[in-house]
Each structure stands twice: as structure tokens, then as C-alpha cells.
Amino acid sequence: MAQVISATAAARSRNREALQCIRRDRFVGQALDLLVEARQSAAEGRFADALEMAYRASLRAAGARVAASTVSRRRRLPTSAWEQVALIGQADAQWAAEFKDYSLVRSRVASGLDPVPDPDTVYRYVALAARYVDATESELGFGGLAA
């Protein structure tokens, strides 16, 4: 038996896909901007700021991945961005595991419980964030609506 899809349902589906692309591109753009800020902060010796900006860049990339996936349509999502990313697939679960450790360090530094890590550690976190943003940008594409 043929399936009948109303024009309204089809339009709603196209609108949802367009909104997902817009959201994804906005998140990737913000991630790239934050990564520039993180690198600049690190170069200026402001390692706490570099740690924070790199983490925020990673969160924006995570948002782009979730927005581009079917996970975004789930009704009950975990509140943690990294738990949401882990639901996307195996490769994303590995990224999420790496960033859970980073999340803890960043949280403790931001709250003043721990001192800012040494510069080498901060540069490693910035590099991790850069790899994640780069992987997100290349896997999802960027600016797909511009064409």
C-alpha cells in the first residue's frame, strides 16, 4: 500500500532539516571563533582563559554534532553535552570520554578548587579541542546552506 504524506508534513520535515543545518553551521562558526580566542589567550600567557575558551569551542562542536544527528530529535536527552555526544555513535563516544576528563579539570579550575594546569597541559587541551573542532567541521561540512 502506498504511503501518503501530506504537504504540511513534508514542509515541516524540510523546515526541520534547514533549521538543523543553520544551527549546526552557527555552532561550528562559534567553535572556530572560540578556538582562535583560546590560542590567542595561550600565546599571551592567560592559560585559565585559554583552557576555558578551548572547552567552550569543544562544547560548540559537540552542539553541532548533536544538532546534525538523530539524537537531537529524542524527547529525553541527558543534560550533559558529552553524554548526548556519546549517544551519536562509537567514534563520538570516544570523543566524549576524552572530554569528560577535560570537563572535570576545567570545572575545578573555574571554581578555584584547583590551580591552572601547567602551560604544556593547557596546550594539550587546546590541541584536543582543535582536533575535535576540525573533525567536526570536516565530517559535518560547514556552510552547506551557502551553496
N, C-alpha and C. Protein backbone atom coordinates (compact mmCIF):
# COMPACT_ATOMS: atom_id res chain seq x y z
N MET A 1 0.84 -1.17 0.00
CA MET A 1 0.00 0.00 0.00
C MET A 1 0.89 1.24 0.00
N ALA A 2 0.53 2.21 -0.81
CA ALA A 2 1.32 3.44 -0.92
C ALA A 2 1.15 4.29 0.33
N GLN A 3 2.21 4.97 0.69
CA GLN A 3 2.16 5.85 1.86
C GLN A 3 1.87 7.26 1.38
N VAL A 4 0.90 7.89 2.02
CA VAL A 4 0.52 9.25 1.66
C VAL A 4 1.10 10.20 2.71
N ILE A 5 1.86 11.18 2.24
CA ILE A 5 2.44 12.18 3.13
C ILE A 5 1.85 13.53 2.75
N SER A 6 1.27 14.19 3.70
CA SER A 6 0.66 15.48 3.41
C SER A 6 1.72 16.52 3.07
N ALA A 7 1.30 17.54 2.37
CA ALA A 7 2.21 18.64 2.02
C ALA A 7 2.71 19.34 3.27
N THR A 8 1.86 19.41 4.29
CA THR A 8 2.25 20.06 5.55
C THR A 8 3.37 19.28 6.22
N ALA A 9 3.23 17.96 6.28
CA ALA A 9 4.25 17.13 6.91
C ALA A 9 5.56 17.21 6.15
N ALA A 10 5.49 17.21 4.83
CA ALA A 10 6.71 17.31 4.02
C ALA A 10 7.40 18.65 4.24
N ALA A 11 6.62 19.73 4.30
CA ALA A 11 7.19 21.07 4.52
C ALA A 11 7.80 21.16 5.90
N ARG A 12 7.13 20.58 6.89
CA ARG A 12 7.66 20.59 8.25
C ARG A 12 9.00 19.87 8.31
N SER A 13 9.11 18.76 7.60
CA SER A 13 10.35 18.00 7.58
C SER A 13 11.47 18.81 6.93
N ARG A 14 11.17 19.49 5.82
CA ARG A 14 12.18 20.32 5.16
C ARG A 14 12.61 21.47 6.06
N ASN A 15 11.65 22.08 6.76
CA ASN A 15 11.98 23.18 7.68
C ASN A 15 12.89 22.70 8.81
N ARG A 16 12.59 21.52 9.35
CA ARG A 16 13.40 20.97 10.44
C ARG A 16 14.83 20.73 9.97
N GLU A 17 14.97 20.18 8.75
CA GLU A 17 16.31 19.92 8.21
C GLU A 17 17.06 21.23 7.99
N ALA A 18 16.38 22.24 7.48
CA ALA A 18 17.03 23.54 7.25
C ALA A 18 17.46 24.17 8.57
N LEU A 19 16.61 24.07 9.58
CA LEU A 19 16.96 24.62 10.89
C LEU A 19 18.14 23.88 11.51
N GLN A 20 18.20 22.56 11.31
CA GLN A 20 19.33 21.79 11.81
C GLN A 20 20.63 22.24 11.15
N CYS A 21 20.58 22.51 9.85
CA CYS A 21 21.77 22.98 9.13
C CYS A 21 22.21 24.35 9.63
N ILE A 22 21.25 25.23 9.83
CA ILE A 22 21.56 26.57 10.33
C ILE A 22 22.18 26.48 11.71
N ARG A 23 21.58 25.68 12.58
CA ARG A 23 22.08 25.52 13.94
C ARG A 23 23.49 24.90 13.93
N ARG A 24 23.65 23.88 13.11
CA ARG A 24 24.96 23.21 13.00
C ARG A 24 26.03 24.21 12.55
N ASP A 25 25.73 24.97 11.50
CA ASP A 25 26.70 25.94 10.98
C ASP A 25 27.01 27.04 12.00
N ARG A 26 25.99 27.48 12.73
CA ARG A 26 26.22 28.50 13.75
C ARG A 26 27.14 27.96 14.84
N PHE A 27 26.90 26.73 15.28
CA PHE A 27 27.75 26.12 16.31
C PHE A 27 29.19 25.97 15.83
N VAL A 28 29.38 25.52 14.59
CA VAL A 28 30.74 25.35 14.07
C VAL A 28 31.44 26.70 13.95
N GLY A 29 30.73 27.71 13.48
CA GLY A 29 31.31 29.05 13.39
C GLY A 29 31.74 29.59 14.75
N GLN A 30 30.89 29.39 15.74
CA GLN A 30 31.23 29.83 17.10
C GLN A 30 32.43 29.05 17.64
N ALA A 31 32.48 27.76 17.35
CA ALA A 31 33.60 26.94 17.81
C ALA A 31 34.91 27.44 17.22
N LEU A 32 34.90 27.77 15.95
CA LEU A 32 36.12 28.27 15.31
C LEU A 32 36.56 29.60 15.92
N ASP A 33 35.60 30.48 16.18
CA ASP A 33 35.93 31.77 16.81
C ASP A 33 36.51 31.58 18.21
N LEU A 34 35.91 30.69 18.98
CA LEU A 34 36.39 30.44 20.34
C LEU A 34 37.77 29.80 20.34
N LEU A 35 38.03 28.98 19.36
CA LEU A 35 39.35 28.36 19.25
C LEU A 35 40.43 29.40 18.97
N VAL A 36 40.10 30.38 18.14
CA VAL A 36 41.04 31.49 17.88
C VAL A 36 41.32 32.23 19.19
N GLU A 37 40.27 32.50 19.96
CA GLU A 37 40.44 33.18 21.25
C GLU A 37 41.30 32.34 22.21
N ALA A 38 41.09 31.03 22.21
CA ALA A 38 41.86 30.15 23.10
C ALA A 38 43.34 30.20 22.74
N ARG A 39 43.63 30.13 21.46
CA ARG A 39 45.04 30.17 21.03
C ARG A 39 45.68 31.51 21.36
N GLN A 40 44.92 32.57 21.17
CA GLN A 40 45.43 33.91 21.47
C GLN A 40 45.70 34.06 22.98
N SER A 41 44.77 33.57 23.79
CA SER A 41 44.95 33.64 25.24
C SER A 41 46.18 32.85 25.68
N ALA A 42 46.36 31.68 25.11
CA ALA A 42 47.53 30.86 25.46
C ALA A 42 48.82 31.56 25.04
N ALA A 43 48.82 32.16 23.87
CA ALA A 43 50.02 32.87 23.40
C ALA A 43 50.36 34.05 24.30
N GLU A 44 49.33 34.65 24.91
CA GLU A 44 49.53 35.79 25.81
C GLU A 44 49.79 35.37 27.25
N GLY A 45 49.82 34.05 27.49
CA GLY A 45 50.09 33.55 28.84
C GLY A 45 48.88 33.52 29.75
N ARG A 46 47.69 33.74 29.20
CA ARG A 46 46.46 33.68 30.00
C ARG A 46 45.90 32.25 29.87
N PHE A 47 46.50 31.34 30.63
CA PHE A 47 46.19 29.92 30.46
C PHE A 47 44.82 29.53 30.99
N ALA A 48 44.34 30.19 32.01
CA ALA A 48 42.98 29.89 32.50
C ALA A 48 41.96 30.25 31.43
N ASP A 49 42.15 31.40 30.78
CA ASP A 49 41.24 31.80 29.70
C ASP A 49 41.35 30.85 28.52
N ALA A 50 42.57 30.44 28.20
CA ALA A 50 42.78 29.51 27.09
C ALA A 50 42.06 28.19 27.35
N LEU A 51 42.17 27.70 28.58
CA LEU A 51 41.51 26.46 28.97
C LEU A 51 40.00 26.59 28.80
N GLU A 52 39.45 27.70 29.26
CA GLU A 52 38.01 27.94 29.19
C GLU A 52 37.52 28.09 27.75
N MET A 53 38.21 28.90 26.96
CA MET A 53 37.78 29.14 25.58
C MET A 53 37.88 27.87 24.74
N ALA A 54 38.92 27.09 24.94
CA ALA A 54 39.05 25.83 24.20
C ALA A 54 37.93 24.87 24.58
N TYR A 55 37.58 24.85 25.86
CA TYR A 55 36.48 23.97 26.29
C TYR A 55 35.16 24.43 25.67
N ARG A 56 34.93 25.73 25.66
CA ARG A 56 33.71 26.25 25.04
C ARG A 56 33.66 25.94 23.55
N ALA A 57 34.80 26.01 22.89
CA ALA A 57 34.86 25.65 21.47
C ALA A 57 34.45 24.19 21.29
N SER A 58 34.92 23.33 22.19
CA SER A 58 34.57 21.91 22.13
C SER A 58 33.08 21.71 22.34
N LEU A 59 32.51 22.47 23.26
CA LEU A 59 31.06 22.36 23.50
C LEU A 59 30.26 22.79 22.27
N ARG A 60 30.72 23.83 21.58
CA ARG A 60 30.01 24.27 20.37
C ARG A 60 30.09 23.19 19.29
N ALA A 61 31.27 22.56 19.17
CA ALA A 61 31.41 21.47 18.21
C ALA A 61 30.50 20.30 18.58
N ALA A 62 30.41 20.03 19.87
CA ALA A 62 29.51 18.97 20.34
C ALA A 62 28.06 19.32 19.98
N GLY A 63 27.70 20.58 20.17
CA GLY A 63 26.36 21.03 19.80
C GLY A 63 26.09 20.84 18.32
N ALA A 64 27.08 21.11 17.49
CA ALA A 64 26.93 20.92 16.04
C ALA A 64 26.71 19.45 15.71
N ARG A 65 27.47 18.58 16.38
CA ARG A 65 27.31 17.15 16.13
C ARG A 65 25.93 16.65 16.56
N VAL A 66 25.49 17.09 17.72
CA VAL A 66 24.18 16.67 18.20
C VAL A 66 23.09 17.22 17.28
N ALA A 67 23.21 18.49 16.88
CA ALA A 67 22.20 19.11 16.01
C ALA A 67 22.10 18.39 14.66
N ALA A 68 23.21 17.85 14.18
CA ALA A 68 23.23 17.18 12.88
C ALA A 68 22.82 15.71 12.97
N SER A 69 22.62 15.21 14.17
CA SER A 69 22.31 13.79 14.34
C SER A 69 20.83 13.58 14.67
N THR A 70 20.45 12.32 14.67
CA THR A 70 19.08 11.98 15.06
C THR A 70 18.90 12.09 16.57
N VAL A 71 19.99 12.17 17.30
CA VAL A 71 19.91 12.31 18.76
C VAL A 71 19.14 13.57 19.12
N SER A 72 19.27 14.61 18.30
CA SER A 72 18.61 15.89 18.61
C SER A 72 17.09 15.78 18.63
N ARG A 73 16.57 14.73 17.99
CA ARG A 73 15.10 14.58 17.95
C ARG A 73 14.55 13.76 19.11
N ARG A 74 15.42 13.25 19.94
CA ARG A 74 14.94 12.48 21.09
C ARG A 74 14.21 13.39 22.06
N ARG A 75 13.23 12.84 22.70
CA ARG A 75 12.44 13.63 23.65
C ARG A 75 13.18 13.86 24.96
N ARG A 76 13.84 12.84 25.47
CA ARG A 76 14.51 12.95 26.76
C ARG A 76 16.00 12.74 26.56
N LEU A 77 16.71 13.84 26.53
CA LEU A 77 18.16 13.79 26.36
C LEU A 77 18.86 13.96 27.70
N PRO A 78 20.03 13.37 27.84
CA PRO A 78 20.82 13.66 29.05
C PRO A 78 21.16 15.15 29.09
N THR A 79 21.40 15.68 30.26
CA THR A 79 21.71 17.10 30.37
C THR A 79 23.16 17.39 29.99
N SER A 80 24.04 16.44 30.14
CA SER A 80 25.45 16.63 29.79
C SER A 80 25.63 16.58 28.27
N ALA A 81 26.31 17.58 27.74
CA ALA A 81 26.60 17.60 26.30
C ALA A 81 27.40 16.37 25.88
N TRP A 82 28.32 15.95 26.74
CA TRP A 82 29.17 14.81 26.39
C TRP A 82 28.38 13.51 26.42
N GLU A 83 27.40 13.39 27.29
CA GLU A 83 26.54 12.20 27.28
C GLU A 83 25.68 12.18 26.02
N GLN A 84 25.24 13.35 25.56
CA GLN A 84 24.49 13.43 24.31
C GLN A 84 25.37 13.02 23.13
N VAL A 85 26.59 13.51 23.10
CA VAL A 85 27.53 13.17 22.03
C VAL A 85 27.78 11.66 22.02
N ALA A 86 27.91 11.05 23.18
CA ALA A 86 28.17 9.62 23.26
C ALA A 86 27.05 8.79 22.65
N LEU A 87 25.84 9.33 22.60
CA LEU A 87 24.71 8.61 22.03
C LEU A 87 24.75 8.57 20.50
N ILE A 88 25.56 9.41 19.88
CA ILE A 88 25.58 9.51 18.42
C ILE A 88 26.18 8.26 17.79
N GLY A 89 27.29 7.78 18.33
CA GLY A 89 27.94 6.61 17.75
C GLY A 89 29.22 6.29 18.50
N GLN A 90 29.90 5.24 18.05
CA GLN A 90 31.11 4.77 18.73
C GLN A 90 32.23 5.80 18.70
N ALA A 91 32.50 6.38 17.55
CA ALA A 91 33.58 7.37 17.45
C ALA A 91 33.28 8.58 18.33
N ASP A 92 32.02 8.99 18.34
CA ASP A 92 31.63 10.13 19.17
C ASP A 92 31.71 9.79 20.65
N ALA A 93 31.44 8.54 20.99
CA ALA A 93 31.56 8.12 22.39
C ALA A 93 33.02 8.22 22.86
N GLN A 94 33.96 7.93 21.95
CA GLN A 94 35.38 8.07 22.31
C GLN A 94 35.75 9.53 22.54
N TRP A 95 35.25 10.42 21.67
CA TRP A 95 35.48 11.86 21.88
C TRP A 95 34.90 12.28 23.22
N ALA A 96 33.69 11.84 23.49
CA ALA A 96 33.01 12.22 24.74
C ALA A 96 33.81 11.78 25.96
N ALA A 97 34.38 10.59 25.90
CA ALA A 97 35.18 10.09 27.02
C ALA A 97 36.41 10.98 27.25
N GLU A 98 37.04 11.42 26.17
CA GLU A 98 38.21 12.31 26.32
C GLU A 98 37.81 13.64 26.94
N PHE A 99 36.66 14.15 26.54
CA PHE A 99 36.25 15.47 27.02
C PHE A 99 35.65 15.44 28.42
N LYS A 100 35.23 14.29 28.90
CA LYS A 100 34.74 14.22 30.28
C LYS A 100 35.86 14.54 31.27
N ASP A 101 37.06 14.05 30.99
CA ASP A 101 38.21 14.38 31.84
C ASP A 101 38.52 15.87 31.77
N TYR A 102 38.53 16.41 30.56
CA TYR A 102 38.78 17.83 30.35
C TYR A 102 37.73 18.65 31.09
N SER A 103 36.49 18.21 31.03
CA SER A 103 35.38 18.91 31.69
C SER A 103 35.62 19.02 33.19
N LEU A 104 36.10 17.96 33.78
CA LEU A 104 36.37 17.96 35.22
C LEU A 104 37.49 18.94 35.57
N VAL A 105 38.57 18.91 34.81
CA VAL A 105 39.69 19.83 35.05
C VAL A 105 39.22 21.26 34.89
N ARG A 106 38.54 21.55 33.82
CA ARG A 106 38.06 22.90 33.54
C ARG A 106 37.12 23.38 34.64
N SER A 107 36.23 22.52 35.10
CA SER A 107 35.28 22.88 36.14
C SER A 107 35.99 23.21 37.45
N ARG A 108 36.96 22.39 37.81
CA ARG A 108 37.68 22.62 39.07
C ARG A 108 38.55 23.88 39.02
N VAL A 109 39.12 24.17 37.86
CA VAL A 109 39.91 25.39 37.71
C VAL A 109 38.99 26.60 37.76
N ALA A 110 37.87 26.54 37.06
CA ALA A 110 36.93 27.67 37.01
C ALA A 110 36.36 27.99 38.39
N SER A 111 36.16 26.96 39.22
CA SER A 111 35.60 27.20 40.55
C SER A 111 36.67 27.53 41.59
N GLY A 112 37.94 27.48 41.19
CA GLY A 112 39.03 27.83 42.11
C GLY A 112 39.48 26.68 42.99
N LEU A 113 38.98 25.49 42.76
CA LEU A 113 39.38 24.34 43.57
C LEU A 113 40.78 23.85 43.23
N ASP A 114 41.15 24.00 41.96
CA ASP A 114 42.48 23.58 41.51
C ASP A 114 43.17 24.75 40.83
N PRO A 115 44.49 24.77 40.87
CA PRO A 115 45.22 25.82 40.14
C PRO A 115 45.17 25.55 38.63
N VAL A 116 45.48 26.55 37.86
CA VAL A 116 45.54 26.38 36.41
C VAL A 116 46.65 25.38 36.10
N PRO A 117 46.39 24.41 35.24
CA PRO A 117 47.44 23.44 34.91
C PRO A 117 48.65 24.13 34.26
N ASP A 118 49.75 23.41 34.21
CA ASP A 118 50.95 23.96 33.59
C ASP A 118 50.69 24.24 32.10
N PRO A 119 51.48 25.12 31.50
CA PRO A 119 51.24 25.50 30.10
C PRO A 119 51.20 24.32 29.13
N ASP A 120 52.05 23.32 29.32
CA ASP A 120 52.04 22.16 28.42
C ASP A 120 50.69 21.44 28.45
N THR A 121 50.13 21.31 29.63
CA THR A 121 48.82 20.66 29.77
C THR A 121 47.74 21.49 29.10
N VAL A 122 47.79 22.79 29.29
CA VAL A 122 46.80 23.68 28.65
C VAL A 122 46.92 23.57 27.14
N TYR A 123 48.14 23.58 26.62
CA TYR A 123 48.33 23.45 25.17
C TYR A 123 47.81 22.11 24.66
N ARG A 124 47.95 21.05 25.46
CA ARG A 124 47.40 19.74 25.06
C ARG A 124 45.88 19.81 24.97
N TYR A 125 45.24 20.48 25.94
CA TYR A 125 43.79 20.62 25.90
C TYR A 125 43.35 21.47 24.71
N VAL A 126 44.08 22.54 24.43
CA VAL A 126 43.75 23.38 23.28
C VAL A 126 43.90 22.56 21.99
N ALA A 127 44.95 21.74 21.91
CA ALA A 127 45.15 20.90 20.73
C ALA A 127 44.03 19.86 20.60
N LEU A 128 43.59 19.29 21.72
CA LEU A 128 42.48 18.34 21.70
C LEU A 128 41.22 19.03 21.17
N ALA A 129 40.95 20.22 21.68
CA ALA A 129 39.77 20.97 21.22
C ALA A 129 39.89 21.28 19.74
N ALA A 130 41.08 21.65 19.28
CA ALA A 130 41.29 21.98 17.87
C ALA A 130 41.04 20.75 16.99
N ARG A 131 41.54 19.59 17.42
CA ARG A 131 41.30 18.35 16.65
C ARG A 131 39.81 18.04 16.57
N TYR A 132 39.11 18.24 17.68
CA TYR A 132 37.67 17.94 17.72
C TYR A 132 36.89 18.90 16.83
N VAL A 133 37.20 20.18 16.91
CA VAL A 133 36.51 21.16 16.07
C VAL A 133 36.82 20.88 14.60
N ASP A 134 38.07 20.56 14.29
CA ASP A 134 38.46 20.26 12.91
C ASP A 134 37.74 19.02 12.40
N ALA A 135 37.69 17.98 13.23
CA ALA A 135 36.99 16.75 12.84
C ALA A 135 35.51 17.02 12.63
N THR A 136 34.93 17.82 13.49
CA THR A 136 33.51 18.16 13.36
C THR A 136 33.27 18.92 12.07
N GLU A 137 34.11 19.91 11.81
CA GLU A 137 33.95 20.72 10.60
C GLU A 137 34.09 19.87 9.34
N SER A 138 35.09 18.99 9.31
CA SER A 138 35.30 18.18 8.11
C SER A 138 34.26 17.08 7.95
N GLU A 139 33.79 16.50 9.04
CA GLU A 139 32.79 15.43 8.95
C GLU A 139 31.40 15.95 8.63
N LEU A 140 31.05 17.10 9.20
CA LEU A 140 29.70 17.63 9.00
C LEU A 140 29.62 18.59 7.84
N GLY A 141 30.75 19.12 7.43
CA GLY A 141 30.73 20.17 6.43
C GLY A 141 30.40 21.48 7.13
N PHE A 142 30.68 22.56 6.47
CA PHE A 142 30.42 23.87 7.07
C PHE A 142 29.93 24.79 5.98
N GLY A 143 28.84 25.50 6.26
CA GLY A 143 28.30 26.45 5.29
C GLY A 143 27.54 25.77 4.17
N GLY A 144 26.96 24.62 4.45
CA GLY A 144 26.24 23.88 3.43
C GLY A 144 25.06 24.62 2.84
N LEU A 145 24.49 25.56 3.56
CA LEU A 145 23.34 26.31 3.04
C LEU A 145 23.76 27.43 2.11
N ALA A 146 25.04 27.77 2.09
CA ALA A 146 25.50 28.88 1.26
C ALA A 146 25.46 28.52 -0.22
N ALA A 147 25.52 27.25 -0.55
CA ALA A 147 25.54 26.83 -1.95
C ALA A 147 24.21 27.00 -2.63
